[in-house]
Amino acid sequence: MGVSKHRPFRSGLWSRMVALVGAVILVSVIVPTVGSQVASGATLTVLSGNVAVSRGDGTAIDRAPSGTTLGDGDRVATVGTSGALITFFDGSEMELGADTTVVVVSVGRSGNRAEIRLENVLGSTVSKVVPFTDPGSSYRIESGGTVALVRGTVLGHRSDPAGNVTVALVQANN
């Protein structure tokens, strides 16, 4: 049998490991807290091409970049074959197809109650709506005198230039 030699940790390596573990613990505690404080709003992700945003106050962003924050009254339009994704504060998403215009009528939270209200002006969207914990919460799409009100589902919605509206349930979540 040989004699085992015990080599102490190098103090520099040990202090870096302790700092790294501390940073990981700190981030895991802070990040969920920050995320839960977001009360309303949505974020735009440009999937392809050119996406324009017209703010509720009338200002415009011709080539809106990914990360643009959206709020009440904002109009989002995909130009030509462009595509975009709107991610709401609760994790629900709306994907906009080519030549599509939607209005974020209102988006917000009051306590546990979430309200997302949209207007599909023209074009095709697919919405992936997370299940709501509060029965008073709603995800609503209005178009051409129709209303689609859902919770926890995947929904296709199309409004064509002639004013025809098509709504399709893609997947129901139980």
C-alpha atoms as a PDB file:
ATOM      1  CA  MET A   1       0.000   0.000   0.000  1.00  0.00           C
ATOM      2  CA  GLY A   2       1.169   3.421  -0.832  1.00  0.00           C
ATOM      3  CA  VAL A   3       0.973   6.480   1.308  1.00  0.00           C
ATOM      4  CA  SER A   4      -1.644   9.002   0.228  1.00  0.00           C
ATOM      5  CA  LYS A   5      -0.502  12.551  -0.018  1.00  0.00           C
ATOM      6  CA  HIS A   6      -3.111  15.122   0.932  1.00  0.00           C
ATOM      7  CA  ARG A   7      -2.779  18.342  -1.060  1.00  0.00           C
ATOM      8  CA  PRO A   8      -4.704  21.315   0.285  1.00  0.00           C
ATOM      9  CA  PHE A   9      -6.898  23.372  -2.086  1.00  0.00           C
ATOM     10  CA  ARG A  10      -5.198  26.304  -3.598  1.00  0.00           C
ATOM     11  CA  SER A  11      -6.723  29.365  -1.991  1.00  0.00           C
ATOM     12  CA  GLY A  12      -7.326  31.091  -5.356  1.00  0.00           C
ATOM     13  CA  LEU A  13      -9.223  28.128  -6.819  1.00  0.00           C
ATOM     14  CA  TRP A  14     -11.239  27.644  -3.623  1.00  0.00           C
ATOM     15  CA  SER A  15     -12.298  31.313  -3.450  1.00  0.00           C
ATOM     16  CA  ARG A  16     -13.351  31.296  -7.129  1.00  0.00           C
ATOM     17  CA  MET A  17     -15.474  28.180  -6.593  1.00  0.00           C
ATOM     18  CA  VAL A  18     -17.154  29.702  -3.538  1.00  0.00           C
ATOM     19  CA  ALA A  19     -17.848  32.920  -5.499  1.00  0.00           C
ATOM     20  CA  LEU A  20     -19.301  30.944  -8.427  1.00  0.00           C
ATOM     21  CA  VAL A  21     -21.612  28.894  -6.181  1.00  0.00           C
ATOM     22  CA  GLY A  22     -22.707  32.075  -4.406  1.00  0.00           C
ATOM     23  CA  ALA A  23     -23.475  33.791  -7.718  1.00  0.00           C
ATOM     24  CA  VAL A  24     -25.564  30.817  -8.929  1.00  0.00           C
ATOM     25  CA  ILE A  25     -27.570  30.804  -5.681  1.00  0.00           C
ATOM     26  CA  LEU A  26     -28.081  34.575  -5.840  1.00  0.00           C
ATOM     27  CA  VAL A  27     -29.311  34.473  -9.460  1.00  0.00           C
ATOM     28  CA  SER A  28     -31.680  31.569  -8.746  1.00  0.00           C
ATOM     29  CA  VAL A  29     -33.256  33.545  -5.903  1.00  0.00           C
ATOM     30  CA  ILE A  30     -33.448  36.963  -7.628  1.00  0.00           C
ATOM     31  CA  VAL A  31     -34.557  36.009 -11.170  1.00  0.00           C
ATOM     32  CA  PRO A  32     -37.907  34.402 -10.230  1.00  0.00           C
ATOM     33  CA  THR A  33     -38.685  37.378  -7.971  1.00  0.00           C
ATOM     34  CA  VAL A  34     -37.994  39.904 -10.726  1.00  0.00           C
ATOM     35  CA  GLY A  35     -40.077  37.930 -13.257  1.00  0.00           C
ATOM     36  CA  SER A  36     -43.045  37.754 -10.910  1.00  0.00           C
ATOM     37  CA  GLN A  37     -43.075  41.553 -10.558  1.00  0.00           C
ATOM     38  CA  VAL A  38     -43.900  42.127 -14.238  1.00  0.00           C
ATOM     39  CA  ALA A  39     -47.532  43.259 -14.133  1.00  0.00           C
ATOM     40  CA  SER A  40     -48.306  43.889 -17.781  1.00  0.00           C
ATOM     41  CA  GLY A  41     -47.007  44.380 -21.272  1.00  0.00           C
ATOM     42  CA  ALA A  42     -45.645  42.287 -24.075  1.00  0.00           C
ATOM     43  CA  THR A  43     -42.425  41.871 -26.015  1.00  0.00           C
ATOM     44  CA  LEU A  44     -41.982  41.693 -29.785  1.00  0.00           C
ATOM     45  CA  THR A  45     -39.675  39.189 -31.457  1.00  0.00           C
ATOM     46  CA  VAL A  46     -39.043  39.657 -35.179  1.00  0.00           C
ATOM     47  CA  LEU A  47     -38.925  36.185 -36.732  1.00  0.00           C
ATOM     48  CA  SER A  48     -38.180  37.355 -40.281  1.00  0.00           C
ATOM     49  CA  GLY A  49     -38.354  40.415 -42.497  1.00  0.00           C
ATOM     50  CA  ASN A  50     -39.689  43.812 -41.510  1.00  0.00           C
ATOM     51  CA  VAL A  51     -42.133  44.513 -38.685  1.00  0.00           C
ATOM     52  CA  ALA A  52     -43.629  47.941 -38.013  1.00  0.00           C
ATOM     53  CA  VAL A  53     -45.074  49.204 -34.728  1.00  0.00           C
ATOM     54  CA  SER A  54     -47.393  52.170 -34.366  1.00  0.00           C
ATOM     55  CA  ARG A  55     -47.658  53.244 -30.730  1.00  0.00           C
ATOM     56  CA  GLY A  56     -50.930  54.097 -29.079  1.00  0.00           C
ATOM     57  CA  ASP A  57     -49.699  57.713 -28.846  1.00  0.00           C
ATOM     58  CA  GLY A  58     -49.195  57.890 -32.640  1.00  0.00           C
ATOM     59  CA  THR A  59     -45.409  57.505 -32.812  1.00  0.00           C
ATOM     60  CA  ALA A  60     -44.119  54.867 -35.216  1.00  0.00           C
ATOM     61  CA  ILE A  61     -41.209  52.441 -35.460  1.00  0.00           C
ATOM     62  CA  ASP A  62     -40.783  51.432 -39.125  1.00  0.00           C
ATOM     63  CA  ARG A  63     -38.329  48.604 -38.514  1.00  0.00           C
ATOM     64  CA  ALA A  64     -39.093  47.516 -34.972  1.00  0.00           C
ATOM     65  CA  PRO A  65     -36.290  45.391 -33.492  1.00  0.00           C
ATOM     66  CA  SER A  66     -36.711  42.249 -31.436  1.00  0.00           C
ATOM     67  CA  GLY A  67     -37.138  43.191 -27.790  1.00  0.00           C
ATOM     68  CA  THR A  68     -39.479  46.112 -28.485  1.00  0.00           C
ATOM     69  CA  THR A  69     -41.882  46.459 -25.546  1.00  0.00           C
ATOM     70  CA  LEU A  70     -45.571  46.651 -26.465  1.00  0.00           C
ATOM     71  CA  GLY A  71     -48.436  48.110 -24.481  1.00  0.00           C
ATOM     72  CA  ASP A  72     -52.049  49.249 -24.676  1.00  0.00           C
ATOM     73  CA  GLY A  73     -53.038  50.668 -28.062  1.00  0.00           C
ATOM     74  CA  ASP A  74     -49.904  49.544 -29.943  1.00  0.00           C
ATOM     75  CA  ARG A  75     -50.435  48.282 -33.512  1.00  0.00           C
ATOM     76  CA  VAL A  76     -48.040  45.650 -34.903  1.00  0.00           C
ATOM     77  CA  ALA A  77     -47.817  44.907 -38.649  1.00  0.00           C
ATOM     78  CA  THR A  78     -45.756  42.358 -40.537  1.00  0.00           C
ATOM     79  CA  VAL A  79     -44.748  43.665 -43.957  1.00  0.00           C
ATOM     80  CA  GLY A  80     -44.906  41.256 -46.919  1.00  0.00           C
ATOM     81  CA  THR A  81     -43.679  37.776 -46.008  1.00  0.00           C
ATOM     82  CA  SER A  82     -42.376  38.878 -42.606  1.00  0.00           C
ATOM     83  CA  GLY A  83     -43.215  37.094 -39.362  1.00  0.00           C
ATOM     84  CA  ALA A  84     -43.290  38.129 -35.709  1.00  0.00           C
ATOM     85  CA  LEU A  85     -44.008  36.777 -32.251  1.00  0.00           C
ATOM     86  CA  ILE A  86     -45.625  38.718 -29.405  1.00  0.00           C
ATOM     87  CA  THR A  87     -44.887  37.263 -25.960  1.00  0.00           C
ATOM     88  CA  PHE A  88     -47.173  38.473 -23.180  1.00  0.00           C
ATOM     89  CA  PHE A  89     -46.302  38.945 -19.499  1.00  0.00           C
ATOM     90  CA  ASP A  90     -47.999  35.658 -18.526  1.00  0.00           C
ATOM     91  CA  GLY A  91     -46.113  33.549 -21.090  1.00  0.00           C
ATOM     92  CA  SER A  92     -48.909  33.449 -23.691  1.00  0.00           C
ATOM     93  CA  GLU A  93     -47.749  34.037 -27.270  1.00  0.00           C
ATOM     94  CA  MET A  94     -49.227  35.233 -30.552  1.00  0.00           C
ATOM     95  CA  GLU A  95     -47.406  34.490 -33.796  1.00  0.00           C
ATOM     96  CA  LEU A  96     -48.196  36.823 -36.699  1.00  0.00           C
ATOM     97  CA  GLY A  97     -48.057  35.510 -40.250  1.00  0.00           C
ATOM     98  CA  ALA A  98     -47.313  37.436 -43.442  1.00  0.00           C
ATOM     99  CA  ASP A  99     -49.171  40.704 -44.074  1.00  0.00           C
ATOM    100  CA  THR A 100     -50.817  40.651 -40.657  1.00  0.00           C
ATOM    101  CA  THR A 101     -51.852  43.583 -38.484  1.00  0.00           C
ATOM    102  CA  VAL A 102     -52.955  43.282 -34.855  1.00  0.00           C
ATOM    103  CA  VAL A 103     -53.699  45.840 -32.152  1.00  0.00           C
ATOM    104  CA  VAL A 104     -52.814  45.258 -28.506  1.00  0.00           C
ATOM    105  CA  VAL A 105     -56.033  46.762 -27.164  1.00  0.00           C
ATOM    106  CA  SER A 106     -55.130  46.144 -23.521  1.00  0.00           C
ATOM    107  CA  VAL A 107     -52.732  43.936 -21.651  1.00  0.00           C
ATOM    108  CA  GLY A 108     -52.386  43.802 -17.897  1.00  0.00           C
ATOM    109  CA  ARG A 109     -52.817  42.127 -14.573  1.00  0.00           C
ATOM    110  CA  SER A 110     -54.737  42.957 -11.443  1.00  0.00           C
ATOM    111  CA  GLY A 111     -53.714  40.617  -8.618  1.00  0.00           C
ATOM    112  CA  ASN A 112     -53.931  37.097 -10.084  1.00  0.00           C
ATOM    113  CA  ARG A 113     -56.359  38.191 -12.819  1.00  0.00           C
ATOM    114  CA  ALA A 114     -54.760  38.566 -16.260  1.00  0.00           C
ATOM    115  CA  GLU A 115     -56.382  40.337 -19.184  1.00  0.00           C
ATOM    116  CA  ILE A 116     -55.066  40.246 -22.730  1.00  0.00           C
ATOM    117  CA  ARG A 117     -57.308  41.866 -25.318  1.00  0.00           C
ATOM    118  CA  LEU A 118     -56.323  42.016 -28.985  1.00  0.00           C
ATOM    119  CA  GLU A 119     -57.819  43.017 -32.316  1.00  0.00           C
ATOM    120  CA  ASN A 120     -56.914  41.101 -35.459  1.00  0.00           C
ATOM    121  CA  VAL A 121     -57.248  43.808 -38.110  1.00  0.00           C
ATOM    122  CA  LEU A 122     -55.997  41.701 -41.015  1.00  0.00           C
ATOM    123  CA  GLY A 123     -54.105  38.472 -41.565  1.00  0.00           C
ATOM    124  CA  SER A 124     -53.359  35.233 -39.759  1.00  0.00           C
ATOM    125  CA  THR A 125     -52.249  34.566 -36.197  1.00  0.00           C
ATOM    126  CA  VAL A 126     -51.691  31.549 -34.003  1.00  0.00           C
ATOM    127  CA  SER A 127     -52.080  32.089 -30.252  1.00  0.00           C
ATOM    128  CA  LYS A 128     -50.665  29.767 -27.618  1.00  0.00           C
ATOM    129  CA  VAL A 129     -52.489  30.729 -24.433  1.00  0.00           C
ATOM    130  CA  VAL A 130     -51.245  29.501 -21.060  1.00  0.00           C
ATOM    131  CA  PRO A 131     -53.808  28.124 -18.599  1.00  0.00           C
ATOM    132  CA  PHE A 132     -54.993  30.851 -16.225  1.00  0.00           C
ATOM    133  CA  THR A 133     -55.161  30.321 -12.462  1.00  0.00           C
ATOM    134  CA  ASP A 134     -57.844  32.974 -11.904  1.00  0.00           C
ATOM    135  CA  PRO A 135     -61.232  32.159 -13.513  1.00  0.00           C
ATOM    136  CA  GLY A 136     -61.757  35.855 -14.242  1.00  0.00           C
ATOM    137  CA  SER A 137     -58.679  36.013 -16.478  1.00  0.00           C
ATOM    138  CA  SER A 138     -59.120  36.257 -20.238  1.00  0.00           C
ATOM    139  CA  TYR A 139     -57.340  36.176 -23.598  1.00  0.00           C
ATOM    140  CA  ARG A 140     -59.613  37.808 -26.133  1.00  0.00           C
ATOM    141  CA  ILE A 141     -59.284  38.383 -29.881  1.00  0.00           C
ATOM    142  CA  GLU A 142     -61.802  40.648 -31.626  1.00  0.00           C
ATOM    143  CA  SER A 143     -62.203  40.919 -35.381  1.00  0.00           C
ATOM    144  CA  GLY A 144     -64.977  41.952 -37.750  1.00  0.00           C
ATOM    145  CA  GLY A 145     -67.674  41.852 -35.076  1.00  0.00           C
ATOM    146  CA  THR A 146     -66.536  38.467 -33.719  1.00  0.00           C
ATOM    147  CA  VAL A 147     -64.979  37.651 -30.356  1.00  0.00           C
ATOM    148  CA  ALA A 148     -62.802  34.647 -29.532  1.00  0.00           C
ATOM    149  CA  LEU A 149     -62.369  34.292 -25.764  1.00  0.00           C
ATOM    150  CA  VAL A 150     -60.115  31.441 -24.630  1.00  0.00           C
ATOM    151  CA  ARG A 151     -57.939  30.169 -21.783  1.00  0.00           C
ATOM    152  CA  GLY A 152     -55.188  27.593 -21.953  1.00  0.00           C
ATOM    153  CA  THR A 153     -55.379  26.599 -25.607  1.00  0.00           C
ATOM    154  CA  VAL A 154     -53.786  26.971 -29.038  1.00  0.00           C
ATOM    155  CA  LEU A 155     -55.967  29.018 -31.381  1.00  0.00           C
ATOM    156  CA  GLY A 156     -55.690  29.940 -35.062  1.00  0.00           C
ATOM    157  CA  HIS A 157     -57.313  33.211 -36.187  1.00  0.00           C
ATOM    158  CA  ARG A 158     -57.625  34.754 -39.651  1.00  0.00           C
ATOM    159  CA  SER A 159     -59.262  37.924 -40.909  1.00  0.00           C
ATOM    160  CA  ASP A 160     -59.192  38.417 -44.690  1.00  0.00           C
ATOM    161  CA  PRO A 161     -59.545  41.661 -46.699  1.00  0.00           C
ATOM    162  CA  ALA A 162     -63.210  40.870 -47.461  1.00  0.00           C
ATOM    163  CA  GLY A 163     -63.977  40.858 -43.724  1.00  0.00           C
ATOM    164  CA  ASN A 164     -64.338  37.080 -43.388  1.00  0.00           C
ATOM    165  CA  VAL A 165     -63.138  35.756 -40.030  1.00  0.00           C
ATOM    166  CA  THR A 166     -62.008  32.176 -39.416  1.00  0.00           C
ATOM    167  CA  VAL A 167     -61.245  30.795 -35.953  1.00  0.00           C
ATOM    168  CA  ALA A 168     -59.822  27.309 -35.419  1.00  0.00           C
ATOM    169  CA  LEU A 169     -59.101  25.443 -32.227  1.00  0.00           C
ATOM    170  CA  VAL A 170     -55.695  23.861 -32.798  1.00  0.00           C
ATOM    171  CA  GLN A 171     -55.192  22.276 -29.376  1.00  0.00           C
ATOM    172  CA  ALA A 172     -57.223  22.291 -26.198  1.00  0.00           C
ATOM    173  CA  ASN A 173     -55.230  22.123 -22.951  1.00  0.00           C
ATOM    174  CA  ASN A 174     -56.894  20.443 -20.024  1.00  0.00           C
END
